[in-house]
Amino acid sequence: MYILDLQTHIIHDASNPRYECQLNKLPKEQRKKIFTLDAVKRLLNDHQAKPPYNGCKYCMSEYHQFDMTSIFHA
């Protein structure tokens, strides 16, 4: 199962949580459960979503997208 943080649009892997994810501090009304990896991949590939969904850099690093242009903005 996967957890979508509705506030930050970050998707976490509930079967592989890390301390850095802080899922226990996430309010229940800010969570949405996603049951399959296919549904997660569809959300990550949905380029119409504003803001776009992203994988957690700690528990789903293979699906985390880092914006390289952000390092050039001061």
N, C-alpha and C. Protein backbone atom coordinates (compact mmCIF):
# COMPACT_ATOMS: atom_id res chain seq x y z
N MET A 1 0.85 -1.17 0.00
CA MET A 1 0.00 0.00 0.00
C MET A 1 0.90 1.24 0.00
N TYR A 2 0.38 2.31 -0.55
CA TYR A 2 1.10 3.57 -0.66
C TYR A 2 0.26 4.68 -0.05
N ILE A 3 0.91 5.70 0.48
CA ILE A 3 0.24 6.82 1.13
C ILE A 3 0.56 8.09 0.34
N LEU A 4 -0.48 8.80 -0.06
CA LEU A 4 -0.32 10.08 -0.75
C LEU A 4 -0.55 11.20 0.25
N ASP A 5 0.43 12.06 0.40
CA ASP A 5 0.31 13.25 1.23
C ASP A 5 -0.40 14.30 0.38
N LEU A 6 -1.64 14.62 0.73
CA LEU A 6 -2.45 15.53 -0.06
C LEU A 6 -1.96 16.98 -0.01
N GLN A 7 -1.18 17.31 1.00
CA GLN A 7 -0.68 18.67 1.12
C GLN A 7 0.55 18.90 0.25
N THR A 8 1.49 17.96 0.26
CA THR A 8 2.75 18.14 -0.48
C THR A 8 2.77 17.37 -1.79
N HIS A 9 1.79 16.50 -2.03
CA HIS A 9 1.71 15.66 -3.23
C HIS A 9 2.89 14.68 -3.34
N ILE A 10 3.37 14.21 -2.19
CA ILE A 10 4.44 13.23 -2.14
C ILE A 10 3.82 11.87 -1.85
N ILE A 11 4.27 10.85 -2.58
CA ILE A 11 3.76 9.49 -2.40
C ILE A 11 4.80 8.69 -1.63
N HIS A 12 4.34 8.02 -0.55
CA HIS A 12 5.21 7.22 0.30
C HIS A 12 4.86 5.74 0.19
N ASP A 13 5.84 4.90 0.35
CA ASP A 13 5.64 3.45 0.37
C ASP A 13 5.38 3.03 1.81
N ALA A 14 4.16 2.63 2.13
CA ALA A 14 3.79 2.28 3.49
C ALA A 14 4.42 0.97 3.95
N SER A 15 4.85 0.13 3.02
CA SER A 15 5.49 -1.13 3.41
C SER A 15 6.98 -0.95 3.67
N ASN A 16 7.53 0.22 3.34
CA ASN A 16 8.96 0.48 3.51
C ASN A 16 9.18 1.90 4.05
N PRO A 17 8.53 2.28 5.17
CA PRO A 17 8.67 3.66 5.65
C PRO A 17 10.04 3.90 6.25
N ARG A 18 10.52 5.11 6.13
CA ARG A 18 11.78 5.54 6.72
C ARG A 18 11.47 6.57 7.81
N TYR A 19 12.41 6.75 8.71
CA TYR A 19 12.23 7.73 9.77
C TYR A 19 12.04 9.13 9.19
N GLU A 20 12.75 9.43 8.12
CA GLU A 20 12.70 10.76 7.52
C GLU A 20 11.34 11.09 6.91
N CYS A 21 10.55 10.08 6.59
CA CYS A 21 9.22 10.30 5.99
C CYS A 21 8.26 10.97 6.97
N GLN A 22 8.40 10.69 8.26
CA GLN A 22 7.54 11.27 9.31
C GLN A 22 6.06 10.99 9.04
N LEU A 23 5.74 9.77 8.63
CA LEU A 23 4.35 9.42 8.34
C LEU A 23 3.47 9.46 9.58
N ASN A 24 4.04 9.22 10.75
CA ASN A 24 3.23 9.25 11.97
C ASN A 24 2.79 10.66 12.33
N LYS A 25 3.46 11.69 11.81
CA LYS A 25 3.08 13.07 12.07
C LYS A 25 2.11 13.62 11.03
N LEU A 26 1.84 12.85 9.99
CA LEU A 26 0.93 13.28 8.93
C LEU A 26 -0.51 13.08 9.39
N PRO A 27 -1.32 14.14 9.44
CA PRO A 27 -2.72 14.00 9.89
C PRO A 27 -3.51 13.07 8.97
N LYS A 28 -4.45 12.36 9.55
CA LYS A 28 -5.23 11.39 8.78
C LYS A 28 -6.04 12.05 7.67
N GLU A 29 -6.47 13.30 7.86
CA GLU A 29 -7.25 13.97 6.82
C GLU A 29 -6.37 14.45 5.67
N GLN A 30 -5.05 14.40 5.83
CA GLN A 30 -4.13 14.77 4.76
C GLN A 30 -3.58 13.56 4.02
N ARG A 31 -4.10 12.37 4.31
CA ARG A 31 -3.64 11.13 3.70
C ARG A 31 -4.66 10.57 2.71
N LYS A 32 -4.15 9.89 1.71
CA LYS A 32 -5.00 9.13 0.80
C LYS A 32 -4.27 7.81 0.52
N LYS A 33 -4.98 6.71 0.63
CA LYS A 33 -4.38 5.41 0.40
C LYS A 33 -4.42 5.06 -1.09
N ILE A 34 -3.33 4.52 -1.57
CA ILE A 34 -3.25 4.02 -2.94
C ILE A 34 -2.82 2.57 -2.81
N PHE A 35 -3.54 1.66 -3.46
CA PHE A 35 -3.33 0.25 -3.21
C PHE A 35 -2.42 -0.46 -4.18
N THR A 36 -2.21 0.08 -5.38
CA THR A 36 -1.37 -0.62 -6.35
C THR A 36 -0.26 0.27 -6.89
N LEU A 37 0.83 -0.35 -7.30
CA LEU A 37 1.94 0.38 -7.88
C LEU A 37 1.55 0.96 -9.24
N ASP A 38 0.66 0.29 -9.97
CA ASP A 38 0.19 0.83 -11.25
C ASP A 38 -0.53 2.16 -11.07
N ALA A 39 -1.32 2.28 -10.01
CA ALA A 39 -2.01 3.55 -9.74
C ALA A 39 -1.01 4.63 -9.37
N VAL A 40 0.04 4.27 -8.64
CA VAL A 40 1.09 5.23 -8.30
C VAL A 40 1.79 5.71 -9.56
N LYS A 41 2.12 4.79 -10.45
CA LYS A 41 2.80 5.16 -11.69
C LYS A 41 1.93 6.07 -12.55
N ARG A 42 0.61 5.82 -12.57
CA ARG A 42 -0.29 6.69 -13.33
C ARG A 42 -0.31 8.10 -12.76
N LEU A 43 -0.31 8.22 -11.43
CA LEU A 43 -0.28 9.55 -10.82
C LEU A 43 1.04 10.27 -11.11
N LEU A 44 2.14 9.54 -11.06
CA LEU A 44 3.45 10.15 -11.32
C LEU A 44 3.60 10.57 -12.78
N ASN A 45 2.95 9.87 -13.69
CA ASN A 45 3.04 10.20 -15.11
C ASN A 45 1.98 11.19 -15.57
N ASP A 46 1.09 11.60 -14.67
CA ASP A 46 0.05 12.56 -15.01
C ASP A 46 0.66 13.96 -15.03
N HIS A 47 0.98 14.45 -16.21
CA HIS A 47 1.64 15.74 -16.34
C HIS A 47 0.65 16.90 -16.29
N GLN A 48 -0.64 16.59 -16.22
CA GLN A 48 -1.67 17.63 -16.11
C GLN A 48 -1.88 18.06 -14.66
N ALA A 49 -1.41 17.26 -13.70
CA ALA A 49 -1.63 17.56 -12.29
C ALA A 49 -0.84 18.79 -11.88
N LYS A 50 -1.48 19.68 -11.16
CA LYS A 50 -0.84 20.89 -10.66
C LYS A 50 -1.03 20.97 -9.16
N PRO A 51 -0.04 20.92 -8.34
CA PRO A 51 1.35 20.60 -8.62
C PRO A 51 1.52 19.12 -8.92
N PRO A 52 2.57 18.74 -9.60
CA PRO A 52 2.73 17.33 -9.97
C PRO A 52 3.04 16.45 -8.76
N TYR A 53 2.67 15.19 -8.87
CA TYR A 53 2.96 14.21 -7.82
C TYR A 53 4.42 13.78 -7.93
N ASN A 54 4.98 13.37 -6.79
CA ASN A 54 6.38 12.98 -6.76
C ASN A 54 6.54 11.84 -5.76
N GLY A 55 7.49 10.96 -6.01
CA GLY A 55 7.81 9.89 -5.07
C GLY A 55 8.68 10.44 -3.94
N CYS A 56 8.56 9.87 -2.79
CA CYS A 56 9.36 10.29 -1.64
C CYS A 56 10.83 9.96 -1.90
N LYS A 57 11.71 10.90 -1.58
CA LYS A 57 13.13 10.68 -1.86
C LYS A 57 13.76 9.69 -0.89
N TYR A 58 13.06 9.34 0.19
CA TYR A 58 13.61 8.39 1.17
C TYR A 58 13.09 6.97 0.95
N CYS A 59 11.78 6.81 0.80
CA CYS A 59 11.22 5.45 0.71
C CYS A 59 10.87 5.04 -0.72
N MET A 60 10.82 5.98 -1.65
CA MET A 60 10.54 5.66 -3.06
C MET A 60 11.51 6.42 -3.96
N SER A 61 12.78 6.29 -3.68
CA SER A 61 13.79 7.07 -4.39
C SER A 61 13.81 6.79 -5.89
N GLU A 62 13.41 5.60 -6.30
CA GLU A 62 13.40 5.29 -7.74
C GLU A 62 12.32 6.04 -8.50
N TYR A 63 11.36 6.64 -7.78
CA TYR A 63 10.30 7.41 -8.41
C TYR A 63 10.38 8.90 -8.06
N HIS A 64 11.45 9.30 -7.40
CA HIS A 64 11.62 10.71 -7.01
C HIS A 64 12.19 11.49 -8.19
N GLN A 65 11.56 12.61 -8.52
CA GLN A 65 12.01 13.48 -9.59
C GLN A 65 12.62 14.73 -8.97
N PHE A 66 13.88 14.99 -9.23
CA PHE A 66 14.54 16.18 -8.71
C PHE A 66 14.60 17.22 -9.81
N ASP A 67 14.18 18.43 -9.50
CA ASP A 67 14.19 19.53 -10.46
C ASP A 67 15.57 20.15 -10.47
N MET A 68 16.36 19.85 -11.50
CA MET A 68 17.74 20.34 -11.59
C MET A 68 17.79 21.85 -11.78
N THR A 69 16.74 22.46 -12.32
CA THR A 69 16.77 23.91 -12.51
C THR A 69 16.66 24.65 -11.19
N SER A 70 16.18 23.98 -10.14
CA SER A 70 16.03 24.66 -8.85
C SER A 70 17.36 24.98 -8.19
N ILE A 71 18.43 24.31 -8.58
CA ILE A 71 19.72 24.60 -7.94
C ILE A 71 20.34 25.88 -8.50
N PHE A 72 19.82 26.39 -9.62
CA PHE A 72 20.36 27.60 -10.20
C PHE A 72 19.63 28.86 -9.77
N HIS A 73 18.49 28.70 -9.10
CA HIS A 73 17.71 29.85 -8.63
C HIS A 73 18.17 30.24 -7.25
N ALA A 74 18.43 31.49 -7.05
CA ALA A 74 18.90 31.93 -5.73
C ALA A 74 17.77 32.48 -4.89
